[in-house]
Amino acid sequence: PKLVREMNTIVSELPSSTFQDLTFVEGTIESVLMDCCHNNNNNNSDNNNNNNYSDMKKRTIDILIALHACDTATDDALWYGLQSQSSIIVVAPCCHKEIRRQFYSSSSSSSSSSKHPYKSILRHNIYSERLAEIVTDSLRALLLEYNSYDVNVFEFVGGEHTAKNVMIVATKRKRKRLKGDLRMIRKQIVDLVTLHGITKQRLATWMDFSLLEEDQEEVVVVQEEGDCKKGCCDEKEEIKNDLNINDGVGGGGKGNRKRAISPRVRVGQM
């Protein structure tokens, strides 16, 4: 709250003609995301910051920025950006634990342990951490491309400042990708998850995007309310329950998965 007050004070001192629509608010990730899932939990009366987000839930936004949102909180931010039809999405991910846990599960299973292609790599923690970062952010980039965004992934600050220095920038295309392009992107995603033994990824779950190789049907990326594929509601309910966990501990990272300072940026004509 203190940081938010300071930022809004700075904004108030800037030229109103340029920054009149720049606002910083303090709240929780779940207060925004609950409105993105059609199994919406309407019992949010205890959230004192709901009014701050009411405007964000109902309108498209130009730019979404998430800095070091811990683990799957980055996926939650990406999903909100997709739901809000953001023109530009900028994220700097942190703590790629969801995929890393699946590495261990796949490589240590009794039936595949001796044959796993990365067994000699994953036994070193530093390599499993780096591989999880690469695979997770590659999946995120492909899923954004599947949603008709152009995506760049690059180092945005030197490694001497922070090891979490990868930035994903997605720019919404004026025209949606053709079905042939979508099939090609889908194949790349399925090939990637199959190679690494991945069965679940947060952004894919939000999108109702099947990671199964045999499921080759075209996937509706952004679903209308009530238009849900069988089984997705249960997974989204699990995500909502996860978002309601009050510990907010990222497990080794500095990010806080539950609480966030979320800037709403209106930059005028894009």
C-alpha atoms as a PDB file:
ATOM      1  CA  PRO A   1       0.000   0.000   0.000  1.00  0.00           C
ATOM      2  CA  LYS A   2       2.820   2.419   0.840  1.00  0.00           C
ATOM      3  CA  LEU A   3       4.460   1.941  -2.566  1.00  0.00           C
ATOM      4  CA  VAL A   4       1.131   2.379  -4.342  1.00  0.00           C
ATOM      5  CA  ARG A   5       0.492   5.661  -2.508  1.00  0.00           C
ATOM      6  CA  GLU A   6       3.958   6.903  -3.449  1.00  0.00           C
ATOM      7  CA  MET A   7       3.463   6.014  -7.125  1.00  0.00           C
ATOM      8  CA  ASN A   8       0.065   7.701  -7.285  1.00  0.00           C
ATOM      9  CA  THR A   9       1.590  10.782  -5.677  1.00  0.00           C
ATOM     10  CA  ILE A  10       4.240  10.876  -8.396  1.00  0.00           C
ATOM     11  CA  VAL A  11       1.552  10.482 -11.070  1.00  0.00           C
ATOM     12  CA  SER A  12      -0.424  13.384  -9.620  1.00  0.00           C
ATOM     13  CA  GLU A  13       2.624  15.628 -10.052  1.00  0.00           C
ATOM     14  CA  LEU A  14       3.075  14.734 -13.740  1.00  0.00           C
ATOM     15  CA  PRO A  15       1.390  16.585 -16.614  1.00  0.00           C
ATOM     16  CA  SER A  16      -2.275  15.605 -16.499  1.00  0.00           C
ATOM     17  CA  SER A  17      -2.613  15.719 -20.284  1.00  0.00           C
ATOM     18  CA  THR A  18      -0.122  12.843 -20.590  1.00  0.00           C
ATOM     19  CA  PHE A  19      -0.650  10.736 -17.472  1.00  0.00           C
ATOM     20  CA  GLN A  20      -4.271  11.338 -16.502  1.00  0.00           C
ATOM     21  CA  ASP A  21      -5.165   7.661 -17.082  1.00  0.00           C
ATOM     22  CA  LEU A  22      -2.219   6.164 -15.172  1.00  0.00           C
ATOM     23  CA  THR A  23      -3.345   4.568 -11.905  1.00  0.00           C
ATOM     24  CA  PHE A  24      -1.700   2.193  -9.426  1.00  0.00           C
ATOM     25  CA  VAL A  25      -3.844   0.011  -7.172  1.00  0.00           C
ATOM     26  CA  GLU A  26      -3.049  -2.526  -4.450  1.00  0.00           C
ATOM     27  CA  GLY A  27      -4.867  -5.833  -4.327  1.00  0.00           C
ATOM     28  CA  THR A  28      -4.736  -9.559  -4.963  1.00  0.00           C
ATOM     29  CA  ILE A  29      -4.224 -11.544  -8.134  1.00  0.00           C
ATOM     30  CA  GLU A  30      -7.323 -13.608  -7.399  1.00  0.00           C
ATOM     31  CA  SER A  31      -9.575 -10.538  -7.265  1.00  0.00           C
ATOM     32  CA  VAL A  32      -8.879 -10.064 -10.980  1.00  0.00           C
ATOM     33  CA  LEU A  33      -8.663 -13.674 -12.103  1.00  0.00           C
ATOM     34  CA  MET A  34     -11.853 -14.906 -10.499  1.00  0.00           C
ATOM     35  CA  ASP A  35     -13.748 -12.933 -13.108  1.00  0.00           C
ATOM     36  CA  CYS A  36     -11.836 -14.651 -15.931  1.00  0.00           C
ATOM     37  CA  CYS A  37     -13.146 -18.134 -15.136  1.00  0.00           C
ATOM     38  CA  HIS A  38     -16.813 -18.872 -15.815  1.00  0.00           C
ATOM     39  CA  ASN A  39     -17.001 -20.731 -12.487  1.00  0.00           C
ATOM     40  CA  ASN A  40     -16.785 -17.324 -10.871  1.00  0.00           C
ATOM     41  CA  ASN A  41     -16.829 -17.131  -7.098  1.00  0.00           C
ATOM     42  CA  ASN A  42     -19.134 -14.227  -6.350  1.00  0.00           C
ATOM     43  CA  ASN A  43     -18.476 -14.272  -2.621  1.00  0.00           C
ATOM     44  CA  ASN A  44     -15.803 -11.585  -2.562  1.00  0.00           C
ATOM     45  CA  SER A  45     -17.468  -9.233  -0.107  1.00  0.00           C
ATOM     46  CA  ASP A  46     -14.476  -9.451   2.236  1.00  0.00           C
ATOM     47  CA  ASN A  47     -12.142  -8.021  -0.382  1.00  0.00           C
ATOM     48  CA  ASN A  48     -11.857  -4.309   0.327  1.00  0.00           C
ATOM     49  CA  ASN A  49     -10.111  -3.689  -2.979  1.00  0.00           C
ATOM     50  CA  ASN A  50     -12.825  -5.077  -5.257  1.00  0.00           C
ATOM     51  CA  ASN A  51     -13.942  -1.627  -6.357  1.00  0.00           C
ATOM     52  CA  ASN A  52     -10.406  -0.854  -7.472  1.00  0.00           C
ATOM     53  CA  TYR A  53     -10.543  -3.720  -9.954  1.00  0.00           C
ATOM     54  CA  SER A  54     -14.127  -3.425 -11.165  1.00  0.00           C
ATOM     55  CA  ASP A  55     -13.026  -1.225 -14.028  1.00  0.00           C
ATOM     56  CA  MET A  56     -10.199  -3.593 -15.010  1.00  0.00           C
ATOM     57  CA  LYS A  57     -12.520  -6.590 -15.181  1.00  0.00           C
ATOM     58  CA  LYS A  58     -14.903  -5.003 -17.683  1.00  0.00           C
ATOM     59  CA  ARG A  59     -12.668  -3.350 -20.250  1.00  0.00           C
ATOM     60  CA  THR A  60      -9.829  -4.162 -22.575  1.00  0.00           C
ATOM     61  CA  ILE A  61      -6.392  -2.896 -21.638  1.00  0.00           C
ATOM     62  CA  ASP A  62      -3.537  -1.681 -23.809  1.00  0.00           C
ATOM     63  CA  ILE A  63      -0.558  -3.031 -21.876  1.00  0.00           C
ATOM     64  CA  LEU A  64      -0.185  -5.689 -19.184  1.00  0.00           C
ATOM     65  CA  ILE A  65       3.084  -5.870 -17.221  1.00  0.00           C
ATOM     66  CA  ALA A  66       4.051  -8.547 -14.676  1.00  0.00           C
ATOM     67  CA  LEU A  67       7.490  -8.321 -13.058  1.00  0.00           C
ATOM     68  CA  HIS A  68       8.800 -11.463 -11.310  1.00  0.00           C
ATOM     69  CA  ALA A  69       5.362 -12.945 -10.622  1.00  0.00           C
ATOM     70  CA  CYS A  70       6.328 -16.176  -8.877  1.00  0.00           C
ATOM     71  CA  ASP A  71       5.965 -19.478 -10.740  1.00  0.00           C
ATOM     72  CA  THR A  72       2.426 -19.885 -12.130  1.00  0.00           C
ATOM     73  CA  ALA A  73       1.438 -16.332 -11.131  1.00  0.00           C
ATOM     74  CA  THR A  74       3.081 -15.331 -14.422  1.00  0.00           C
ATOM     75  CA  ASP A  75       0.656 -17.657 -16.217  1.00  0.00           C
ATOM     76  CA  ASP A  76      -2.231 -16.069 -14.323  1.00  0.00           C
ATOM     77  CA  ALA A  77      -1.073 -12.647 -15.492  1.00  0.00           C
ATOM     78  CA  LEU A  78      -0.733 -13.870 -19.077  1.00  0.00           C
ATOM     79  CA  TRP A  79      -4.236 -15.297 -18.956  1.00  0.00           C
ATOM     80  CA  TYR A  80      -5.660 -12.012 -17.699  1.00  0.00           C
ATOM     81  CA  GLY A  81      -3.844 -10.253 -20.538  1.00  0.00           C
ATOM     82  CA  LEU A  82      -5.407 -12.630 -23.071  1.00  0.00           C
ATOM     83  CA  GLN A  83      -8.864 -12.271 -21.540  1.00  0.00           C
ATOM     84  CA  SER A  84      -8.510  -8.486 -21.592  1.00  0.00           C
ATOM     85  CA  GLN A  85      -7.355  -8.460 -25.233  1.00  0.00           C
ATOM     86  CA  SER A  86      -4.189  -6.601 -24.279  1.00  0.00           C
ATOM     87  CA  SER A  87      -2.369  -5.016 -27.184  1.00  0.00           C
ATOM     88  CA  ILE A  88       0.981  -5.640 -25.495  1.00  0.00           C
ATOM     89  CA  ILE A  89       1.881  -8.175 -22.785  1.00  0.00           C
ATOM     90  CA  VAL A  90       5.226  -7.848 -20.980  1.00  0.00           C
ATOM     91  CA  VAL A  91       6.295 -10.375 -18.336  1.00  0.00           C
ATOM     92  CA  ALA A  92       9.564 -11.162 -16.557  1.00  0.00           C
ATOM     93  CA  PRO A  93       8.966 -14.671 -15.123  1.00  0.00           C
ATOM     94  CA  CYS A  94      10.335 -16.010 -11.858  1.00  0.00           C
ATOM     95  CA  CYS A  95      10.598 -19.445 -10.174  1.00  0.00           C
ATOM     96  CA  HIS A  96       9.621 -22.068 -12.760  1.00  0.00           C
ATOM     97  CA  LYS A  97       8.595 -24.793 -10.317  1.00  0.00           C
ATOM     98  CA  GLU A  98       5.481 -26.229 -11.976  1.00  0.00           C
ATOM     99  CA  ILE A  99       7.410 -27.709 -14.919  1.00  0.00           C
ATOM    100  CA  ARG A 100      10.475 -28.568 -12.843  1.00  0.00           C
ATOM    101  CA  ARG A 101       8.437 -30.850 -10.581  1.00  0.00           C
ATOM    102  CA  GLN A 102       7.225 -32.725 -13.637  1.00  0.00           C
ATOM    103  CA  PHE A 103      10.820 -33.228 -14.765  1.00  0.00           C
ATOM    104  CA  TYR A 104      11.537 -35.058 -11.547  1.00  0.00           C
ATOM    105  CA  SER A 105       8.370 -37.132 -11.782  1.00  0.00           C
ATOM    106  CA  SER A 106       9.099 -38.183 -15.359  1.00  0.00           C
ATOM    107  CA  SER A 107      12.811 -38.907 -14.936  1.00  0.00           C
ATOM    108  CA  SER A 108      12.471 -40.802 -11.654  1.00  0.00           C
ATOM    109  CA  SER A 109       9.609 -43.129 -12.567  1.00  0.00           C
ATOM    110  CA  SER A 110      10.660 -46.753 -12.356  1.00  0.00           C
ATOM    111  CA  SER A 111       9.634 -47.564 -15.921  1.00  0.00           C
ATOM    112  CA  SER A 112      11.403 -44.685 -17.658  1.00  0.00           C
ATOM    113  CA  SER A 113      14.217 -43.702 -15.315  1.00  0.00           C
ATOM    114  CA  SER A 114      16.971 -45.499 -17.202  1.00  0.00           C
ATOM    115  CA  LYS A 115      15.730 -44.292 -20.608  1.00  0.00           C
ATOM    116  CA  HIS A 116      14.890 -40.683 -19.877  1.00  0.00           C
ATOM    117  CA  PRO A 117      16.899 -38.539 -22.344  1.00  0.00           C
ATOM    118  CA  TYR A 118      17.727 -35.935 -19.690  1.00  0.00           C
ATOM    119  CA  LYS A 119      18.518 -38.246 -16.782  1.00  0.00           C
ATOM    120  CA  SER A 120      22.195 -37.260 -16.705  1.00  0.00           C
ATOM    121  CA  ILE A 121      21.251 -33.575 -16.870  1.00  0.00           C
ATOM    122  CA  LEU A 122      18.399 -33.481 -14.365  1.00  0.00           C
ATOM    123  CA  ARG A 123      20.481 -35.068 -11.618  1.00  0.00           C
ATOM    124  CA  HIS A 124      22.234 -31.689 -11.352  1.00  0.00           C
ATOM    125  CA  ASN A 125      19.910 -29.182  -9.684  1.00  0.00           C
ATOM    126  CA  ILE A 126      21.373 -26.148 -11.439  1.00  0.00           C
ATOM    127  CA  TYR A 127      20.718 -27.721 -14.836  1.00  0.00           C
ATOM    128  CA  SER A 128      17.189 -28.818 -13.967  1.00  0.00           C
ATOM    129  CA  GLU A 129      16.454 -25.259 -12.837  1.00  0.00           C
ATOM    130  CA  ARG A 130      17.769 -23.753 -16.062  1.00  0.00           C
ATOM    131  CA  LEU A 131      16.020 -26.320 -18.233  1.00  0.00           C
ATOM    132  CA  ALA A 132      12.732 -25.651 -16.436  1.00  0.00           C
ATOM    133  CA  GLU A 133      13.099 -21.944 -17.173  1.00  0.00           C
ATOM    134  CA  ILE A 134      13.779 -22.563 -20.867  1.00  0.00           C
ATOM    135  CA  VAL A 135      10.969 -25.068 -21.367  1.00  0.00           C
ATOM    136  CA  THR A 136       8.384 -23.115 -19.353  1.00  0.00           C
ATOM    137  CA  ASP A 137       9.005 -19.806 -21.098  1.00  0.00           C
ATOM    138  CA  SER A 138       9.160 -21.512 -24.498  1.00  0.00           C
ATOM    139  CA  LEU A 139       5.730 -23.016 -23.828  1.00  0.00           C
ATOM    140  CA  ARG A 140       4.408 -19.624 -22.760  1.00  0.00           C
ATOM    141  CA  ALA A 141       5.729 -18.042 -25.949  1.00  0.00           C
ATOM    142  CA  LEU A 142       4.129 -20.733 -28.122  1.00  0.00           C
ATOM    143  CA  LEU A 143       0.794 -20.445 -26.325  1.00  0.00           C
ATOM    144  CA  LEU A 144       0.840 -16.678 -26.836  1.00  0.00           C
ATOM    145  CA  GLU A 145       1.610 -17.221 -30.528  1.00  0.00           C
ATOM    146  CA  TYR A 146      -1.336 -19.620 -30.666  1.00  0.00           C
ATOM    147  CA  ASN A 147      -3.458 -16.687 -29.476  1.00  0.00           C
ATOM    148  CA  SER A 148      -2.264 -14.610 -32.460  1.00  0.00           C
ATOM    149  CA  TYR A 149       0.462 -12.632 -30.714  1.00  0.00           C
ATOM    150  CA  ASP A 150       3.952 -11.975 -32.060  1.00  0.00           C
ATOM    151  CA  VAL A 151       6.419 -12.916 -29.329  1.00  0.00           C
ATOM    152  CA  ASN A 152      10.007 -11.983 -28.481  1.00  0.00           C
ATOM    153  CA  VAL A 153      11.995 -13.500 -25.605  1.00  0.00           C
ATOM    154  CA  PHE A 154      15.212 -11.743 -24.579  1.00  0.00           C
ATOM    155  CA  GLU A 155      17.511 -10.714 -21.728  1.00  0.00           C
ATOM    156  CA  PHE A 156      16.383  -7.314 -20.454  1.00  0.00           C
ATOM    157  CA  VAL A 157      18.994  -6.681 -17.745  1.00  0.00           C
ATOM    158  CA  GLY A 158      22.493  -7.948 -17.080  1.00  0.00           C
ATOM    159  CA  GLY A 159      22.989 -11.152 -15.121  1.00  0.00           C
ATOM    160  CA  GLU A 160      25.016  -9.269 -12.499  1.00  0.00           C
ATOM    161  CA  HIS A 161      21.775  -7.571 -11.364  1.00  0.00           C
ATOM    162  CA  THR A 162      19.483 -10.610 -11.261  1.00  0.00           C
ATOM    163  CA  ALA A 163      19.472 -14.149 -12.602  1.00  0.00           C
ATOM    164  CA  LYS A 164      15.766 -13.732 -13.407  1.00  0.00           C
ATOM    165  CA  ASN A 165      16.527 -11.538 -16.393  1.00  0.00           C
ATOM    166  CA  VAL A 166      14.396 -13.033 -19.171  1.00  0.00           C
ATOM    167  CA  MET A 167      11.561 -10.942 -20.568  1.00  0.00           C
ATOM    168  CA  ILE A 168       8.681 -12.135 -22.740  1.00  0.00           C
ATOM    169  CA  VAL A 169       7.048  -9.452 -24.889  1.00  0.00           C
ATOM    170  CA  ALA A 170       3.909 -10.314 -26.854  1.00  0.00           C
ATOM    171  CA  THR A 171       2.301  -7.921 -29.330  1.00  0.00           C
ATOM    172  CA  LYS A 172      -1.206  -8.613 -30.572  1.00  0.00           C
ATOM    173  CA  ARG A 173      -1.422  -9.165 -34.320  1.00  0.00           C
ATOM    174  CA  LYS A 174      -3.890  -7.211 -36.424  1.00  0.00           C
ATOM    175  CA  ARG A 175      -4.988 -10.441 -38.116  1.00  0.00           C
ATOM    176  CA  LYS A 176      -5.457 -13.824 -36.492  1.00  0.00           C
ATOM    177  CA  ARG A 177      -3.195 -16.653 -37.580  1.00  0.00           C
ATOM    178  CA  LEU A 178      -4.443 -19.081 -40.204  1.00  0.00           C
ATOM    179  CA  LYS A 179      -5.568 -22.554 -39.204  1.00  0.00           C
ATOM    180  CA  GLY A 180      -2.502 -24.079 -40.823  1.00  0.00           C
ATOM    181  CA  ASP A 181      -0.246 -21.895 -38.692  1.00  0.00           C
ATOM    182  CA  LEU A 182      -2.209 -22.829 -35.565  1.00  0.00           C
ATOM    183  CA  ARG A 183      -1.818 -26.527 -36.325  1.00  0.00           C
ATOM    184  CA  MET A 184       1.926 -26.054 -36.742  1.00  0.00           C
ATOM    185  CA  ILE A 185       2.219 -24.179 -33.425  1.00  0.00           C
ATOM    186  CA  ARG A 186       0.117 -26.811 -31.711  1.00  0.00           C
ATOM    187  CA  LYS A 187       2.412 -29.554 -33.013  1.00  0.00           C
ATOM    188  CA  GLN A 188       5.442 -27.676 -31.658  1.00  0.00           C
ATOM    189  CA  ILE A 189       3.767 -27.451 -28.237  1.00  0.00           C
ATOM    190  CA  VAL A 190       2.819 -31.131 -28.179  1.00  0.00           C
ATOM    191  CA  ASP A 191       6.309 -32.157 -29.306  1.00  0.00           C
ATOM    192  CA  LEU A 192       7.884 -30.027 -26.571  1.00  0.00           C
ATOM    193  CA  VAL A 193       5.737 -31.339 -23.726  1.00  0.00           C
ATOM    194  CA  THR A 194       6.030 -34.928 -24.943  1.00  0.00           C
ATOM    195  CA  LEU A 195       9.823 -34.753 -25.030  1.00  0.00           C
ATOM    196  CA  HIS A 196      10.000 -33.447 -21.455  1.00  0.00           C
ATOM    197  CA  GLY A 197       7.209 -35.541 -19.941  1.00  0.00           C
ATOM    198  CA  ILE A 198       4.969 -32.558 -19.189  1.00  0.00           C
ATOM    199  CA  THR A 199       1.271 -33.217 -18.642  1.00  0.00           C
ATOM    200  CA  LYS A 200       0.079 -29.933 -17.147  1.00  0.00           C
ATOM    201  CA  GLN A 201       0.873 -26.251 -17.542  1.00  0.00           C
ATOM    202  CA  ARG A 202      -1.053 -23.417 -15.890  1.00  0.00           C
ATOM    203  CA  LEU A 203      -1.596 -21.152 -18.920  1.00  0.00           C
ATOM    204  CA  ALA A 204      -2.617 -24.132 -21.060  1.00  0.00           C
ATOM    205  CA  THR A 205      -5.155 -25.083 -18.386  1.00  0.00           C
ATOM    206  CA  TRP A 206      -6.634 -21.579 -18.335  1.00  0.00           C
ATOM    207  CA  MET A 207      -6.905 -21.778 -22.134  1.00  0.00           C
ATOM    208  CA  ASP A 208      -8.465 -25.271 -22.157  1.00  0.00           C
ATOM    209  CA  PHE A 209      -5.548 -26.204 -24.402  1.00  0.00           C
ATOM    210  CA  SER A 210      -4.982 -29.963 -24.454  1.00  0.00           C
ATOM    211  CA  LEU A 211      -1.342 -31.045 -24.174  1.00  0.00           C
ATOM    212  CA  LEU A 212      -2.169 -34.575 -25.296  1.00  0.00           C
ATOM    213  CA  GLU A 213      -0.690 -35.720 -28.596  1.00  0.00           C
ATOM    214  CA  GLU A 214      -3.787 -37.670 -29.609  1.00  0.00           C
ATOM    215  CA  ASP A 215      -6.064 -34.666 -29.112  1.00  0.00           C
ATOM    216  CA  GLN A 216      -5.658 -32.972 -32.499  1.00  0.00           C
ATOM    217  CA  GLU A 217      -8.947 -31.063 -32.595  1.00  0.00           C
ATOM    218  CA  GLU A 218      -8.879 -27.313 -33.002  1.00  0.00           C
ATOM    219  CA  VAL A 219      -8.969 -25.676 -29.578  1.00  0.00           C
ATOM    220  CA  VAL A 220     -11.086 -22.628 -28.755  1.00  0.00           C
ATOM    221  CA  VAL A 221      -8.533 -20.394 -27.084  1.00  0.00           C
ATOM    222  CA  VAL A 222     -10.724 -17.858 -25.301  1.00  0.00           C
ATOM    223  CA  GLN A 223     -13.993 -19.461 -24.264  1.00  0.00           C
ATOM    224  CA  GLU A 224     -17.307 -17.756 -23.795  1.00  0.00           C
ATOM    225  CA  GLU A 225     -19.065 -18.210 -20.475  1.00  0.00           C
ATOM    226  CA  GLY A 226     -20.594 -21.661 -20.246  1.00  0.00           C
ATOM    227  CA  ASP A 227     -18.712 -22.948 -23.321  1.00  0.00           C
ATOM    228  CA  CYS A 228     -16.362 -25.292 -21.557  1.00  0.00           C
ATOM    229  CA  LYS A 229     -14.682 -28.490 -22.674  1.00  0.00           C
ATOM    230  CA  LYS A 230     -15.328 -31.529 -20.507  1.00  0.00           C
ATOM    231  CA  GLY A 231     -12.960 -31.675 -17.559  1.00  0.00           C
ATOM    232  CA  CYS A 232     -11.647 -28.120 -17.769  1.00  0.00           C
ATOM    233  CA  CYS A 233     -13.953 -26.834 -15.034  1.00  0.00           C
ATOM    234  CA  ASP A 234     -12.419 -29.153 -12.461  1.00  0.00           C
ATOM    235  CA  GLU A 235      -8.902 -28.012 -13.356  1.00  0.00           C
ATOM    236  CA  LYS A 236      -9.889 -24.351 -13.240  1.00  0.00           C
ATOM    237  CA  GLU A 237     -11.559 -24.949  -9.875  1.00  0.00           C
ATOM    238  CA  GLU A 238      -8.231 -26.361  -8.663  1.00  0.00           C
ATOM    239  CA  ILE A 239      -6.516 -23.185  -9.842  1.00  0.00           C
ATOM    240  CA  LYS A 240      -9.067 -21.018  -8.049  1.00  0.00           C
ATOM    241  CA  ASN A 241      -8.571 -23.005  -4.855  1.00  0.00           C
ATOM    242  CA  ASP A 242      -4.829 -22.614  -5.288  1.00  0.00           C
ATOM    243  CA  LEU A 243      -5.200 -18.849  -5.683  1.00  0.00           C
ATOM    244  CA  ASN A 244      -7.143 -18.744  -2.432  1.00  0.00           C
ATOM    245  CA  ILE A 245      -4.215 -20.150  -0.452  1.00  0.00           C
ATOM    246  CA  ASN A 246      -3.244 -17.381   1.936  1.00  0.00           C
ATOM    247  CA  ASP A 247       0.410 -18.233   2.486  1.00  0.00           C
ATOM    248  CA  GLY A 248       1.550 -16.414  -0.678  1.00  0.00           C
ATOM    249  CA  VAL A 249       4.918 -18.160  -0.422  1.00  0.00           C
ATOM    250  CA  GLY A 250       6.751 -18.567  -3.698  1.00  0.00           C
ATOM    251  CA  GLY A 251       9.194 -21.142  -2.372  1.00  0.00           C
ATOM    252  CA  GLY A 252      12.635 -19.728  -2.884  1.00  0.00           C
ATOM    253  CA  GLY A 253      11.755 -16.672  -4.926  1.00  0.00           C
ATOM    254  CA  LYS A 254      11.108 -13.112  -3.860  1.00  0.00           C
ATOM    255  CA  GLY A 255       7.772 -12.939  -5.660  1.00  0.00           C
ATOM    256  CA  ASN A 256       4.462 -13.205  -3.852  1.00  0.00           C
ATOM    257  CA  ARG A 257       1.897 -15.224  -5.703  1.00  0.00           C
ATOM    258  CA  LYS A 258      -1.164 -13.905  -3.931  1.00  0.00           C
ATOM    259  CA  ARG A 259      -0.472 -10.220  -3.526  1.00  0.00           C
ATOM    260  CA  ALA A 260       0.555  -7.950  -6.326  1.00  0.00           C
ATOM    261  CA  ILE A 261       0.820  -4.295  -7.190  1.00  0.00           C
ATOM    262  CA  SER A 262      -0.966  -4.093 -10.498  1.00  0.00           C
ATOM    263  CA  PRO A 263      -0.594  -0.991 -12.683  1.00  0.00           C
ATOM    264  CA  ARG A 264      -3.426  -0.228 -15.066  1.00  0.00           C
ATOM    265  CA  VAL A 265      -1.978   1.645 -18.004  1.00  0.00           C
ATOM    266  CA  ARG A 266      -4.076   3.470 -20.551  1.00  0.00           C
ATOM    267  CA  VAL A 267      -1.778   4.900 -23.179  1.00  0.00           C
ATOM    268  CA  GLY A 268      -4.343   6.357 -25.514  1.00  0.00           C
ATOM    269  CA  GLN A 269      -4.474   5.544 -29.216  1.00  0.00           C
ATOM    270  CA  MET A 270      -2.294   2.553 -30.052  1.00  0.00           C
END
